[in-house]
Amino acid sequence: MVKDKLKPKRHRTLTLWQILVIANLPIALSGCHGYLNNVIEGLTLDISAPTGRGTGLASKSSLLGTISNQNHACFSVISESGETISLIWPLGYTAQNDPLRVISNEGNLVFSIGDNVSGISGNWLPKVGCRGEGSSFIVVK
């Protein structure tokens, strides 16, 4: 019995692959889109964990937005090539209505419909977004 107490405890070390799986589990469980929905005031909003430093998004439109029958706020822009790009916001961001707008996790206004969004940065997601066409872009703070 004394001998058992003197044995060092074994600690399990996670591999990089296991860490990546655990870190992305919430995204994997959120559904086929690969991002989560944040709900506030009855509106859902596409959100995602950051995926890197980000690149610039060249758009020729102001911020567009709609609310679906399921109270889902969908924000998008039109790229310089004419493609519709659905925007996915950082974790903690929310959508509010009247006017339709994006609010940061600190409670500050980020964008309202019609605002110029040129110069935002983020990362491309090779999946169709909430607009049902084009690509998706994960906005970096």
Foldseek 3Di string as FASTA:
>chain_A
DVVVVPDDDDDDDDDPVRVVCVVQVVQVVQDDVSFHWDDDPQETATAHAADDDFDFFAFDFFWDWDADPSRYIWIWTQGPVGFIETEHEYPQWDWDVPPTFIAHNVRHTDDTGRHHPGGWTFAWDADDDPVRTGTYTYTDD
